[in-house]
Amino acid sequence: MNRRTVAVLLVLAAVLAGCGPKTDHHQAVYVLVDTSGTYTKEVVKAQTVINYLLGMLQPGDTLAVGRVKSRSFSEKDIVAKVSLVKDPLQANAQKRAFSAEMDKFAQMEKNDRGSLY
């Protein structure tokens, strides 16, 4: 083999090495908040944890929050969910909107169970 053939093969090998399967490093986090009985008082603590998680998520990640009121759980018990877009500015706007939604949820739980606070 001449030098040109070897150079072409090396370039081709380098290109093919970069074409391997891409791994997905995105995260999906699902938080269940127990709002039954006296656990309603803990919603504020749960909100703090959710805001922390929200701050740790990166564009492309997903966060969902569901409420457990009794022994059963269904799709209607999902309080909020968000899949952060790739654009960091839009992802931050999504995070702020999600946090506001969690504030509404915590306030609603507080109002529904006002006697526990």
PDB file of N, CA and C in Angstrom:
ATOM      1  N   MET A   1       0.848  -1.190   0.000  1.00  0.00           N
ATOM      2  CA  MET A   1       0.000   0.000   0.000  1.00  0.00           C
ATOM      3  C   MET A   1       0.882   1.238   0.000  1.00  0.00           C
ATOM      4  N   ASN A   2       0.421   2.195  -0.760  1.00  0.00           N
ATOM      5  CA  ASN A   2       1.170   3.440  -0.779  1.00  0.00           C
ATOM      6  C   ASN A   2       0.675   4.376   0.325  1.00  0.00           C
ATOM      7  N   ARG A   3       1.378   5.467   0.495  1.00  0.00           N
ATOM      8  CA  ARG A   3       1.064   6.408   1.568  1.00  0.00           C
ATOM      9  C   ARG A   3      -0.329   7.003   1.428  1.00  0.00           C
ATOM     10  N   ARG A   4      -0.717   7.263   0.251  1.00  0.00           N
ATOM     11  CA  ARG A   4      -2.033   7.876   0.025  1.00  0.00           C
ATOM     12  C   ARG A   4      -3.143   6.920   0.467  1.00  0.00           C
ATOM     13  N   THR A   5      -3.042   5.662   0.144  1.00  0.00           N
ATOM     14  CA  THR A   5      -4.030   4.662   0.533  1.00  0.00           C
ATOM     15  C   THR A   5      -4.084   4.529   2.036  1.00  0.00           C
ATOM     16  N   VAL A   6      -2.917   4.517   2.690  1.00  0.00           N
ATOM     17  CA  VAL A   6      -2.868   4.418   4.148  1.00  0.00           C
ATOM     18  C   VAL A   6      -3.519   5.650   4.776  1.00  0.00           C
ATOM     19  N   ALA A   7      -3.258   6.833   4.242  1.00  0.00           N
ATOM     20  CA  ALA A   7      -3.840   8.065   4.770  1.00  0.00           C
ATOM     21  C   ALA A   7      -5.360   8.052   4.626  1.00  0.00           C
ATOM     22  N   VAL A   8      -5.855   7.593   3.487  1.00  0.00           N
ATOM     23  CA  VAL A   8      -7.295   7.520   3.255  1.00  0.00           C
ATOM     24  C   VAL A   8      -7.929   6.524   4.227  1.00  0.00           C
ATOM     25  N   LEU A   9      -7.294   5.388   4.440  1.00  0.00           N
ATOM     26  CA  LEU A   9      -7.813   4.396   5.379  1.00  0.00           C
ATOM     27  C   LEU A   9      -7.827   4.941   6.812  1.00  0.00           C
ATOM     28  N   LEU A  10      -6.806   5.665   7.204  1.00  0.00           N
ATOM     29  CA  LEU A  10      -6.763   6.258   8.545  1.00  0.00           C
ATOM     30  C   LEU A  10      -7.883   7.288   8.733  1.00  0.00           C
ATOM     31  N   VAL A  11      -8.090   8.122   7.743  1.00  0.00           N
ATOM     32  CA  VAL A  11      -9.162   9.116   7.810  1.00  0.00           C
ATOM     33  C   VAL A  11     -10.512   8.414   7.872  1.00  0.00           C
ATOM     34  N   LEU A  12     -10.696   7.398   7.062  1.00  0.00           N
ATOM     35  CA  LEU A  12     -11.942   6.648   7.052  1.00  0.00           C
ATOM     36  C   LEU A  12     -12.181   5.964   8.403  1.00  0.00           C
ATOM     37  N   ALA A  13     -11.136   5.407   8.992  1.00  0.00           N
ATOM     38  CA  ALA A  13     -11.262   4.766  10.311  1.00  0.00           C
ATOM     39  C   ALA A  13     -11.642   5.787  11.374  1.00  0.00           C
ATOM     40  N   ALA A  14     -11.045   6.971  11.317  1.00  0.00           N
ATOM     41  CA  ALA A  14     -11.367   8.010  12.287  1.00  0.00           C
ATOM     42  C   ALA A  14     -12.815   8.475  12.147  1.00  0.00           C
ATOM     43  N   VAL A  15     -13.285   8.608  10.926  1.00  0.00           N
ATOM     44  CA  VAL A  15     -14.669   9.022  10.690  1.00  0.00           C
ATOM     45  C   VAL A  15     -15.635   7.959  11.194  1.00  0.00           C
ATOM     46  N   LEU A  16     -15.350   6.703  10.912  1.00  0.00           N
ATOM     47  CA  LEU A  16     -16.227   5.619  11.342  1.00  0.00           C
ATOM     48  C   LEU A  16     -16.219   5.460  12.864  1.00  0.00           C
ATOM     49  N   ALA A  17     -15.109   5.740  13.504  1.00  0.00           N
ATOM     50  CA  ALA A  17     -15.038   5.637  14.966  1.00  0.00           C
ATOM     51  C   ALA A  17     -15.962   6.652  15.620  1.00  0.00           C
ATOM     52  N   GLY A  18     -16.154   7.792  14.989  1.00  0.00           N
ATOM     53  CA  GLY A  18     -17.043   8.828  15.520  1.00  0.00           C
ATOM     54  C   GLY A  18     -18.505   8.570  15.226  1.00  0.00           C
ATOM     55  N   CYS A  19     -18.815   7.532  14.488  1.00  0.00           N
ATOM     56  CA  CYS A  19     -20.195   7.242  14.099  1.00  0.00           C
ATOM     57  C   CYS A  19     -20.831   6.159  14.951  1.00  0.00           C
ATOM     58  N   GLY A  20     -20.277   5.895  16.113  1.00  0.00           N
ATOM     59  CA  GLY A  20     -20.832   4.865  16.987  1.00  0.00           C
ATOM     60  C   GLY A  20     -22.177   5.283  17.531  1.00  0.00           C
ATOM     61  N   PRO A  21     -22.837   4.357  18.201  1.00  0.00           N
ATOM     62  CA  PRO A  21     -24.157   4.684  18.761  1.00  0.00           C
ATOM     63  C   PRO A  21     -24.048   5.776  19.819  1.00  0.00           C
ATOM     64  N   LYS A  22     -24.960   6.713  19.752  1.00  0.00           N
ATOM     65  CA  LYS A  22     -24.979   7.805  20.718  1.00  0.00           C
ATOM     66  C   LYS A  22     -25.762   7.358  21.943  1.00  0.00           C
ATOM     67  N   THR A  23     -25.199   7.615  23.104  1.00  0.00           N
ATOM     68  CA  THR A  23     -25.899   7.255  24.326  1.00  0.00           C
ATOM     69  C   THR A  23     -26.663   8.465  24.838  1.00  0.00           C
ATOM     70  N   ASP A  24     -27.806   8.189  25.407  1.00  0.00           N
ATOM     71  CA  ASP A  24     -28.673   9.237  25.942  1.00  0.00           C
ATOM     72  C   ASP A  24     -28.378   9.400  27.434  1.00  0.00           C
ATOM     73  N   HIS A  25     -27.937  10.576  27.819  1.00  0.00           N
ATOM     74  CA  HIS A  25     -27.598  10.831  29.211  1.00  0.00           C
ATOM     75  C   HIS A  25     -28.651  11.679  29.913  1.00  0.00           C
ATOM     76  N   HIS A  26     -29.813  11.790  29.314  1.00  0.00           N
ATOM     77  CA  HIS A  26     -30.878  12.577  29.925  1.00  0.00           C
ATOM     78  C   HIS A  26     -31.495  11.811  31.088  1.00  0.00           C
ATOM     79  N   GLN A  27     -32.048  12.578  32.024  1.00  0.00           N
ATOM     80  CA  GLN A  27     -32.679  11.983  33.197  1.00  0.00           C
ATOM     81  C   GLN A  27     -34.180  12.214  33.154  1.00  0.00           C
ATOM     82  N   ALA A  28     -34.893  11.302  33.760  1.00  0.00           N
ATOM     83  CA  ALA A  28     -36.325  11.472  33.968  1.00  0.00           C
ATOM     84  C   ALA A  28     -36.575  11.216  35.446  1.00  0.00           C
ATOM     85  N   VAL A  29     -37.145  12.198  36.116  1.00  0.00           N
ATOM     86  CA  VAL A  29     -37.385  12.111  37.552  1.00  0.00           C
ATOM     87  C   VAL A  29     -38.887  12.188  37.783  1.00  0.00           C
ATOM     88  N   TYR A  30     -39.402  11.257  38.593  1.00  0.00           N
ATOM     89  CA  TYR A  30     -40.820  11.258  38.940  1.00  0.00           C
ATOM     90  C   TYR A  30     -40.927  11.340  40.451  1.00  0.00           C
ATOM     91  N   VAL A  31     -41.615  12.358  40.935  1.00  0.00           N
ATOM     92  CA  VAL A  31     -41.766  12.581  42.368  1.00  0.00           C
ATOM     93  C   VAL A  31     -43.223  12.327  42.750  1.00  0.00           C
ATOM     94  N   LEU A  32     -43.426  11.489  43.739  1.00  0.00           N
ATOM     95  CA  LEU A  32     -44.763  11.260  44.282  1.00  0.00           C
ATOM     96  C   LEU A  32     -44.855  11.963  45.623  1.00  0.00           C
ATOM     97  N   VAL A  33     -45.873  12.792  45.783  1.00  0.00           N
ATOM     98  CA  VAL A  33     -46.086  13.544  47.018  1.00  0.00           C
ATOM     99  C   VAL A  33     -47.337  13.002  47.694  1.00  0.00           C
ATOM    100  N   ASP A  34     -47.169  12.541  48.927  1.00  0.00           N
ATOM    101  CA  ASP A  34     -48.296  12.018  49.699  1.00  0.00           C
ATOM    102  C   ASP A  34     -49.036  13.194  50.323  1.00  0.00           C
ATOM    103  N   THR A  35     -50.279  13.380  49.924  1.00  0.00           N
ATOM    104  CA  THR A  35     -51.085  14.495  50.454  1.00  0.00           C
ATOM    105  C   THR A  35     -52.234  13.991  51.309  1.00  0.00           C
ATOM    106  N   SER A  36     -52.124  12.768  51.779  1.00  0.00           N
ATOM    107  CA  SER A  36     -53.194  12.223  52.606  1.00  0.00           C
ATOM    108  C   SER A  36     -52.918  12.510  54.076  1.00  0.00           C
ATOM    109  N   GLY A  37     -53.975  12.700  54.820  1.00  0.00           N
ATOM    110  CA  GLY A  37     -53.867  12.873  56.275  1.00  0.00           C
ATOM    111  C   GLY A  37     -52.917  13.978  56.688  1.00  0.00           C
ATOM    112  N   THR A  38     -52.111  13.693  57.689  1.00  0.00           N
ATOM    113  CA  THR A  38     -51.212  14.715  58.235  1.00  0.00           C
ATOM    114  C   THR A  38     -50.007  14.977  57.342  1.00  0.00           C
ATOM    115  N   TYR A  39     -49.779  14.144  56.312  1.00  0.00           N
ATOM    116  CA  TYR A  39     -48.666  14.383  55.395  1.00  0.00           C
ATOM    117  C   TYR A  39     -48.859  15.665  54.594  1.00  0.00           C
ATOM    118  N   THR A  40     -50.059  16.188  54.585  1.00  0.00           N
ATOM    119  CA  THR A  40     -50.320  17.437  53.876  1.00  0.00           C
ATOM    120  C   THR A  40     -49.412  18.541  54.392  1.00  0.00           C
ATOM    121  N   LYS A  41     -49.073  18.487  55.666  1.00  0.00           N
ATOM    122  CA  LYS A  41     -48.185  19.493  56.246  1.00  0.00           C
ATOM    123  C   LYS A  41     -46.782  19.425  55.647  1.00  0.00           C
ATOM    124  N   GLU A  42     -46.450  18.324  55.032  1.00  0.00           N
ATOM    125  CA  GLU A  42     -45.116  18.130  54.469  1.00  0.00           C
ATOM    126  C   GLU A  42     -45.000  18.605  53.016  1.00  0.00           C
ATOM    127  N   VAL A  43     -46.068  19.116  52.456  1.00  0.00           N
ATOM    128  CA  VAL A  43     -46.046  19.541  51.053  1.00  0.00           C
ATOM    129  C   VAL A  43     -45.013  20.641  50.842  1.00  0.00           C
ATOM    130  N   VAL A  44     -44.835  21.515  51.811  1.00  0.00           N
ATOM    131  CA  VAL A  44     -43.848  22.595  51.680  1.00  0.00           C
ATOM    132  C   VAL A  44     -42.439  21.996  51.588  1.00  0.00           C
ATOM    133  N   LYS A  45     -42.165  20.976  52.384  1.00  0.00           N
ATOM    134  CA  LYS A  45     -40.858  20.310  52.299  1.00  0.00           C
ATOM    135  C   LYS A  45     -40.690  19.632  50.943  1.00  0.00           C
ATOM    136  N   ALA A  46     -41.739  19.005  50.475  1.00  0.00           N
ATOM    137  CA  ALA A  46     -41.688  18.364  49.162  1.00  0.00           C
ATOM    138  C   ALA A  46     -41.435  19.402  48.074  1.00  0.00           C
ATOM    139  N   GLN A  47     -42.044  20.552  48.214  1.00  0.00           N
ATOM    140  CA  GLN A  47     -41.858  21.633  47.241  1.00  0.00           C
ATOM    141  C   GLN A  47     -40.395  22.081  47.218  1.00  0.00           C
ATOM    142  N   THR A  48     -39.752  22.120  48.374  1.00  0.00           N
ATOM    143  CA  THR A  48     -38.338  22.490  48.449  1.00  0.00           C
ATOM    144  C   THR A  48     -37.480  21.462  47.711  1.00  0.00           C
ATOM    145  N   VAL A  49     -37.774  20.190  47.907  1.00  0.00           N
ATOM    146  CA  VAL A  49     -37.031  19.130  47.221  1.00  0.00           C
ATOM    147  C   VAL A  49     -37.261  19.209  45.719  1.00  0.00           C
ATOM    148  N   ILE A  50     -38.494  19.449  45.315  1.00  0.00           N
ATOM    149  CA  ILE A  50     -38.814  19.553  43.893  1.00  0.00           C
ATOM    150  C   ILE A  50     -38.073  20.726  43.257  1.00  0.00           C
ATOM    151  N   ASN A  51     -38.030  21.864  43.942  1.00  0.00           N
ATOM    152  CA  ASN A  51     -37.294  23.018  43.409  1.00  0.00           C
ATOM    153  C   ASN A  51     -35.805  22.714  43.299  1.00  0.00           C
ATOM    154  N   TYR A  52     -35.256  21.973  44.265  1.00  0.00           N
ATOM    155  CA  TYR A  52     -33.847  21.563  44.184  1.00  0.00           C
ATOM    156  C   TYR A  52     -33.622  20.682  42.961  1.00  0.00           C
ATOM    157  N   LEU A  53     -34.484  19.678  42.786  1.00  0.00           N
ATOM    158  CA  LEU A  53     -34.375  18.790  41.627  1.00  0.00           C
ATOM    159  C   LEU A  53     -34.485  19.566  40.328  1.00  0.00           C
ATOM    160  N   LEU A  54     -35.413  20.492  40.303  1.00  0.00           N
ATOM    161  CA  LEU A  54     -35.625  21.311  39.110  1.00  0.00           C
ATOM    162  C   LEU A  54     -34.354  22.086  38.762  1.00  0.00           C
ATOM    163  N   GLY A  55     -33.674  22.585  39.782  1.00  0.00           N
ATOM    164  CA  GLY A  55     -32.430  23.317  39.550  1.00  0.00           C
ATOM    165  C   GLY A  55     -31.300  22.429  39.055  1.00  0.00           C
ATOM    166  N   MET A  56     -31.339  21.150  39.383  1.00  0.00           N
ATOM    167  CA  MET A  56     -30.281  20.221  38.983  1.00  0.00           C
ATOM    168  C   MET A  56     -30.483  19.647  37.582  1.00  0.00           C
ATOM    169  N   LEU A  57     -31.706  19.714  37.070  1.00  0.00           N
ATOM    170  CA  LEU A  57     -31.989  19.133  35.761  1.00  0.00           C
ATOM    171  C   LEU A  57     -31.377  19.972  34.644  1.00  0.00           C
ATOM    172  N   GLN A  58     -31.010  19.296  33.590  1.00  0.00           N
ATOM    173  CA  GLN A  58     -30.386  19.920  32.429  1.00  0.00           C
ATOM    174  C   GLN A  58     -31.358  19.892  31.246  1.00  0.00           C
ATOM    175  N   PRO A  59     -31.116  20.725  30.231  1.00  0.00           N
ATOM    176  CA  PRO A  59     -31.948  20.655  29.037  1.00  0.00           C
ATOM    177  C   PRO A  59     -31.994  19.232  28.488  1.00  0.00           C
ATOM    178  N   GLY A  60     -33.194  18.784  28.157  1.00  0.00           N
ATOM    179  CA  GLY A  60     -33.404  17.427  27.674  1.00  0.00           C
ATOM    180  C   GLY A  60     -33.929  16.495  28.753  1.00  0.00           C
ATOM    181  N   ASP A  61     -33.836  16.898  30.030  1.00  0.00           N
ATOM    182  CA  ASP A  61     -34.331  16.080  31.136  1.00  0.00           C
ATOM    183  C   ASP A  61     -35.829  16.280  31.328  1.00  0.00           C
ATOM    184  N   THR A  62     -36.455  15.369  32.081  1.00  0.00           N
ATOM    185  CA  THR A  62     -37.892  15.411  32.336  1.00  0.00           C
ATOM    186  C   THR A  62     -38.155  15.317  33.827  1.00  0.00           C
ATOM    187  N   LEU A  63     -39.145  16.072  34.300  1.00  0.00           N
ATOM    188  CA  LEU A  63     -39.566  16.022  35.698  1.00  0.00           C
ATOM    189  C   LEU A  63     -41.081  15.951  35.728  1.00  0.00           C
ATOM    190  N   ALA A  64     -41.606  15.061  36.568  1.00  0.00           N
ATOM    191  CA  ALA A  64     -43.050  14.948  36.757  1.00  0.00           C
ATOM    192  C   ALA A  64     -43.324  14.820  38.248  1.00  0.00           C
ATOM    193  N   VAL A  65     -44.444  15.398  38.673  1.00  0.00           N
ATOM    194  CA  VAL A  65     -44.863  15.334  40.072  1.00  0.00           C
ATOM    195  C   VAL A  65     -46.286  14.800  40.106  1.00  0.00           C
ATOM    196  N   GLY A  66     -46.483  13.803  40.963  1.00  0.00           N
ATOM    197  CA  GLY A  66     -47.806  13.231  41.137  1.00  0.00           C
ATOM    198  C   GLY A  66     -48.213  13.270  42.597  1.00  0.00           C
ATOM    199  N   ARG A  67     -49.507  13.290  42.820  1.00  0.00           N
ATOM    200  CA  ARG A  67     -50.064  13.350  44.171  1.00  0.00           C
ATOM    201  C   ARG A  67     -50.678  11.998  44.506  1.00  0.00           C
ATOM    202  N   VAL A  68     -50.434  11.543  45.727  1.00  0.00           N
ATOM    203  CA  VAL A  68     -51.046  10.316  46.219  1.00  0.00           C
ATOM    204  C   VAL A  68     -51.955  10.714  47.369  1.00  0.00           C
ATOM    205  N   LYS A  69     -53.256  10.559  47.167  1.00  0.00           N
ATOM    206  CA  LYS A  69     -54.234  10.901  48.205  1.00  0.00           C
ATOM    207  C   LYS A  69     -54.743   9.663  48.924  1.00  0.00           C
ATOM    208  N   SER A  70     -54.724   8.563  48.249  1.00  0.00           N
ATOM    209  CA  SER A  70     -55.232   7.323  48.834  1.00  0.00           C
ATOM    210  C   SER A  70     -54.340   6.188  48.345  1.00  0.00           C
ATOM    211  N   ARG A  71     -54.839   4.990  48.410  1.00  0.00           N
ATOM    212  CA  ARG A  71     -54.033   3.837  47.992  1.00  0.00           C
ATOM    213  C   ARG A  71     -53.866   3.744  46.493  1.00  0.00           C
ATOM    214  N   SER A  72     -54.750   4.344  45.754  1.00  0.00           N
ATOM    215  CA  SER A  72     -54.676   4.231  44.300  1.00  0.00           C
ATOM    216  C   SER A  72     -54.035   5.480  43.699  1.00  0.00           C
ATOM    217  N   PHE A  73     -53.476   5.292  42.522  1.00  0.00           N
ATOM    218  CA  PHE A  73     -52.842   6.375  41.787  1.00  0.00           C
ATOM    219  C   PHE A  73     -53.197   6.210  40.326  1.00  0.00           C
ATOM    220  N   SER A  74     -53.574   7.307  39.684  1.00  0.00           N
ATOM    221  CA  SER A  74     -53.901   7.245  38.268  1.00  0.00           C
ATOM    222  C   SER A  74     -53.324   8.469  37.564  1.00  0.00           C
ATOM    223  N   GLU A  75     -53.494   8.489  36.282  1.00  0.00           N
ATOM    224  CA  GLU A  75     -52.984   9.578  35.442  1.00  0.00           C
ATOM    225  C   GLU A  75     -53.521  10.943  35.882  1.00  0.00           C
ATOM    226  N   LYS A  76     -54.742  10.982  36.402  1.00  0.00           N
ATOM    227  CA  LYS A  76     -55.341  12.255  36.827  1.00  0.00           C
ATOM    228  C   LYS A  76     -54.649  12.832  38.059  1.00  0.00           C
ATOM    229  N   ASP A  77     -53.849  12.022  38.753  1.00  0.00           N
ATOM    230  CA  ASP A  77     -53.137  12.494  39.943  1.00  0.00           C
ATOM    231  C   ASP A  77     -51.795  13.138  39.612  1.00  0.00           C
ATOM    232  N   ILE A  78     -51.453  13.225  38.342  1.00  0.00           N
ATOM    233  CA  ILE A  78     -50.224  13.919  37.956  1.00  0.00           C
ATOM    234  C   ILE A  78     -50.485  15.416  38.070  1.00  0.00           C
ATOM    235  N   VAL A  79     -49.718  16.055  38.918  1.00  0.00           N
ATOM    236  CA  VAL A  79     -49.897  17.485  39.179  1.00  0.00           C
ATOM    237  C   VAL A  79     -49.276  18.315  38.065  1.00  0.00           C
ATOM    238  N   ALA A  80     -48.045  17.960  37.670  1.00  0.00           N
ATOM    239  CA  ALA A  80     -47.353  18.707  36.619  1.00  0.00           C
ATOM    240  C   ALA A  80     -46.241  17.843  36.047  1.00  0.00           C
ATOM    241  N   LYS A  81     -45.902  18.117  34.801  1.00  0.00           N
ATOM    242  CA  LYS A  81     -44.760  17.454  34.184  1.00  0.00           C
ATOM    243  C   LYS A  81     -44.161  18.375  33.139  1.00  0.00           C
ATOM    244  N   VAL A  82     -42.860  18.227  32.962  1.00  0.00           N
ATOM    245  CA  VAL A  82     -42.166  19.057  31.997  1.00  0.00           C
ATOM    246  C   VAL A  82     -40.995  18.270  31.418  1.00  0.00           C
ATOM    247  N   SER A  83     -40.823  18.402  30.115  1.00  0.00           N
ATOM    248  CA  SER A  83     -39.631  17.893  29.439  1.00  0.00           C
ATOM    249  C   SER A  83     -38.882  19.119  28.940  1.00  0.00           C
ATOM    250  N   LEU A  84     -37.732  19.341  29.518  1.00  0.00           N
ATOM    251  CA  LEU A  84     -36.975  20.551  29.208  1.00  0.00           C
ATOM    252  C   LEU A  84     -36.403  20.485  27.794  1.00  0.00           C
ATOM    253  N   VAL A  85     -36.603  21.554  27.055  1.00  0.00           N
ATOM    254  CA  VAL A  85     -36.091  21.628  25.683  1.00  0.00           C
ATOM    255  C   VAL A  85     -34.574  21.805  25.720  1.00  0.00           C
ATOM    256  N   LYS A  86     -33.952  21.644  24.583  1.00  0.00           N
ATOM    257  CA  LYS A  86     -32.485  21.721  24.498  1.00  0.00           C
ATOM    258  C   LYS A  86     -31.951  23.142  24.713  1.00  0.00           C
ATOM    259  N   ASP A  87     -32.714  24.143  24.325  1.00  0.00           N
ATOM    260  CA  ASP A  87     -32.269  25.525  24.461  1.00  0.00           C
ATOM    261  C   ASP A  87     -32.256  25.933  25.937  1.00  0.00           C
ATOM    262  N   PRO A  88     -31.095  26.308  26.486  1.00  0.00           N
ATOM    263  CA  PRO A  88     -31.009  26.643  27.912  1.00  0.00           C
ATOM    264  C   PRO A  88     -31.919  27.791  28.345  1.00  0.00           C
ATOM    265  N   LEU A  89     -32.102  28.800  27.505  1.00  0.00           N
ATOM    266  CA  LEU A  89     -32.978  29.921  27.871  1.00  0.00           C
ATOM    267  C   LEU A  89     -34.431  29.469  27.991  1.00  0.00           C
ATOM    268  N   GLN A  90     -34.877  28.686  27.032  1.00  0.00           N
ATOM    269  CA  GLN A  90     -36.241  28.171  27.086  1.00  0.00           C
ATOM    270  C   GLN A  90     -36.404  27.184  28.235  1.00  0.00           C
ATOM    271  N   ALA A  91     -35.363  26.381  28.506  1.00  0.00           N
ATOM    272  CA  ALA A  91     -35.416  25.425  29.613  1.00  0.00           C
ATOM    273  C   ALA A  91     -35.564  26.165  30.944  1.00  0.00           C
ATOM    274  N   ASN A  92     -34.856  27.278  31.102  1.00  0.00           N
ATOM    275  CA  ASN A  92     -34.997  28.071  32.334  1.00  0.00           C
ATOM    276  C   ASN A  92     -36.402  28.648  32.468  1.00  0.00           C
ATOM    277  N   ALA A  93     -36.972  29.084  31.356  1.00  0.00           N
ATOM    278  CA  ALA A  93     -38.353  29.586  31.387  1.00  0.00           C
ATOM    279  C   ALA A  93     -39.310  28.452  31.772  1.00  0.00           C
ATOM    280  N   GLN A  94     -39.076  27.258  31.253  1.00  0.00           N
ATOM    281  CA  GLN A  94     -39.902  26.103  31.616  1.00  0.00           C
ATOM    282  C   GLN A  94     -39.766  25.789  33.105  1.00  0.00           C
ATOM    283  N   LYS A  95     -38.551  25.897  33.633  1.00  0.00           N
ATOM    284  CA  LYS A  95     -38.325  25.645  35.059  1.00  0.00           C
ATOM    285  C   LYS A  95     -39.097  26.645  35.921  1.00  0.00           C
ATOM    286  N   ARG A  96     -39.054  27.923  35.531  1.00  0.00           N
ATOM    287  CA  ARG A  96     -39.790  28.947  36.289  1.00  0.00           C
ATOM    288  C   ARG A  96     -41.291  28.674  36.251  1.00  0.00           C
ATOM    289  N   ALA A  97     -41.809  28.306  35.098  1.00  0.00           N
ATOM    290  CA  ALA A  97     -43.238  28.007  34.974  1.00  0.00           C
ATOM    291  C   ALA A  97     -43.603  26.782  35.803  1.00  0.00           C
ATOM    292  N   PHE A  98     -42.748  25.767  35.805  1.00  0.00           N
ATOM    293  CA  PHE A  98     -42.995  24.564  36.594  1.00  0.00           C
ATOM    294  C   PHE A  98     -42.990  24.896  38.084  1.00  0.00           C
ATOM    295  N   SER A  99     -42.051  25.711  38.505  1.00  0.00           N
ATOM    296  CA  SER A  99     -41.977  26.125  39.910  1.00  0.00           C
ATOM    297  C   SER A  99     -43.236  26.895  40.312  1.00  0.00           C
ATOM    298  N   ALA A 100     -43.719  27.746  39.445  1.00  0.00           N
ATOM    299  CA  ALA A 100     -44.957  28.490  39.719  1.00  0.00           C
ATOM    300  C   ALA A 100     -46.140  27.531  39.829  1.00  0.00           C
ATOM    301  N   GLU A 101     -46.150  26.510  39.001  1.00  0.00           N
ATOM    302  CA  GLU A 101     -47.208  25.508  39.051  1.00  0.00           C
ATOM    303  C   GLU A 101     -47.164  24.742  40.383  1.00  0.00           C
ATOM    304  N   MET A 102     -45.956  24.466  40.859  1.00  0.00           N
ATOM    305  CA  MET A 102     -45.800  23.786  42.150  1.00  0.00           C
ATOM    306  C   MET A 102     -46.236  24.699  43.307  1.00  0.00           C
ATOM    307  N   ASP A 103     -45.985  26.000  43.167  1.00  0.00           N
ATOM    308  CA  ASP A 103     -46.469  26.959  44.180  1.00  0.00           C
ATOM    309  C   ASP A 103     -47.991  26.919  44.272  1.00  0.00           C
ATOM    310  N   LYS A 104     -48.646  26.890  43.110  1.00  0.00           N
ATOM    311  CA  LYS A 104     -50.113  26.812  43.085  1.00  0.00           C
ATOM    312  C   LYS A 104     -50.604  25.523  43.731  1.00  0.00           C
ATOM    313  N   PHE A 105     -49.922  24.415  43.424  1.00  0.00           N
ATOM    314  CA  PHE A 105     -50.286  23.126  43.995  1.00  0.00           C
ATOM    315  C   PHE A 105     -50.153  23.160  45.520  1.00  0.00           C
ATOM    316  N   ALA A 106     -49.047  23.683  46.019  1.00  0.00           N
ATOM    317  CA  ALA A 106     -48.835  23.748  47.474  1.00  0.00           C
ATOM    318  C   ALA A 106     -49.879  24.642  48.134  1.00  0.00           C
ATOM    319  N   GLN A 107     -50.191  25.747  47.495  1.00  0.00           N
ATOM    320  CA  GLN A 107     -51.202  26.656  48.043  1.00  0.00           C
ATOM    321  C   GLN A 107     -52.576  25.998  48.048  1.00  0.00           C
ATOM    322  N   MET A 108     -52.890  25.269  46.995  1.00  0.00           N
ATOM    323  CA  MET A 108     -54.174  24.580  46.910  1.00  0.00           C
ATOM    324  C   MET A 108     -54.275  23.528  48.019  1.00  0.00           C
ATOM    325  N   GLU A 109     -53.204  22.783  48.238  1.00  0.00           N
ATOM    326  CA  GLU A 109     -53.207  21.775  49.307  1.00  0.00           C
ATOM    327  C   GLU A 109     -53.350  22.444  50.674  1.00  0.00           C
ATOM    328  N   LYS A 110     -52.708  23.573  50.828  1.00  0.00           N
ATOM    329  CA  LYS A 110     -52.808  24.310  52.089  1.00  0.00           C
ATOM    330  C   LYS A 110     -54.234  24.791  52.320  1.00  0.00           C
ATOM    331  N   ASN A 111     -54.872  25.300  51.277  1.00  0.00           N
ATOM    332  CA  ASN A 111     -56.246  25.772  51.394  1.00  0.00           C
ATOM    333  C   ASN A 111     -57.228  24.639  51.620  1.00  0.00           C
ATOM    334  N   ASP A 112     -56.985  23.489  50.963  1.00  0.00           N
ATOM    335  CA  ASP A 112     -57.873  22.336  51.140  1.00  0.00           C
ATOM    336  C   ASP A 112     -57.788  21.767  52.535  1.00  0.00           C
ATOM    337  N   ARG A 113     -56.645  21.881  53.143  1.00  0.00           N
ATOM    338  CA  ARG A 113     -56.425  21.292  54.479  1.00  0.00           C
ATOM    339  C   ARG A 113     -55.990  22.368  55.470  1.00  0.00           C
ATOM    340  N   GLY A 114     -56.562  23.533  55.347  1.00  0.00           N
ATOM    341  CA  GLY A 114     -56.170  24.677  56.168  1.00  0.00           C
ATOM    342  C   GLY A 114     -56.114  24.400  57.656  1.00  0.00           C
ATOM    343  N   SER A 115     -56.930  23.516  58.149  1.00  0.00           N
ATOM    344  CA  SER A 115     -56.956  23.248  59.588  1.00  0.00           C
ATOM    345  C   SER A 115     -55.694  22.522  60.040  1.00  0.00           C
ATOM    346  N   LEU A 116     -54.940  21.944  59.108  1.00  0.00           N
ATOM    347  CA  LEU A 116     -53.732  21.215  59.498  1.00  0.00           C
ATOM    348  C   LEU A 116     -52.519  22.131  59.616  1.00  0.00           C
ATOM    349  N   TYR A 117     -52.618  23.354  59.110  1.00  0.00           N
ATOM    350  CA  TYR A 117     -51.452  24.250  59.127  1.00  0.00           C
ATOM    351  C   TYR A 117     -51.495  25.152  60.339  1.00  0.00           C
TER     352      TYR A 117
END
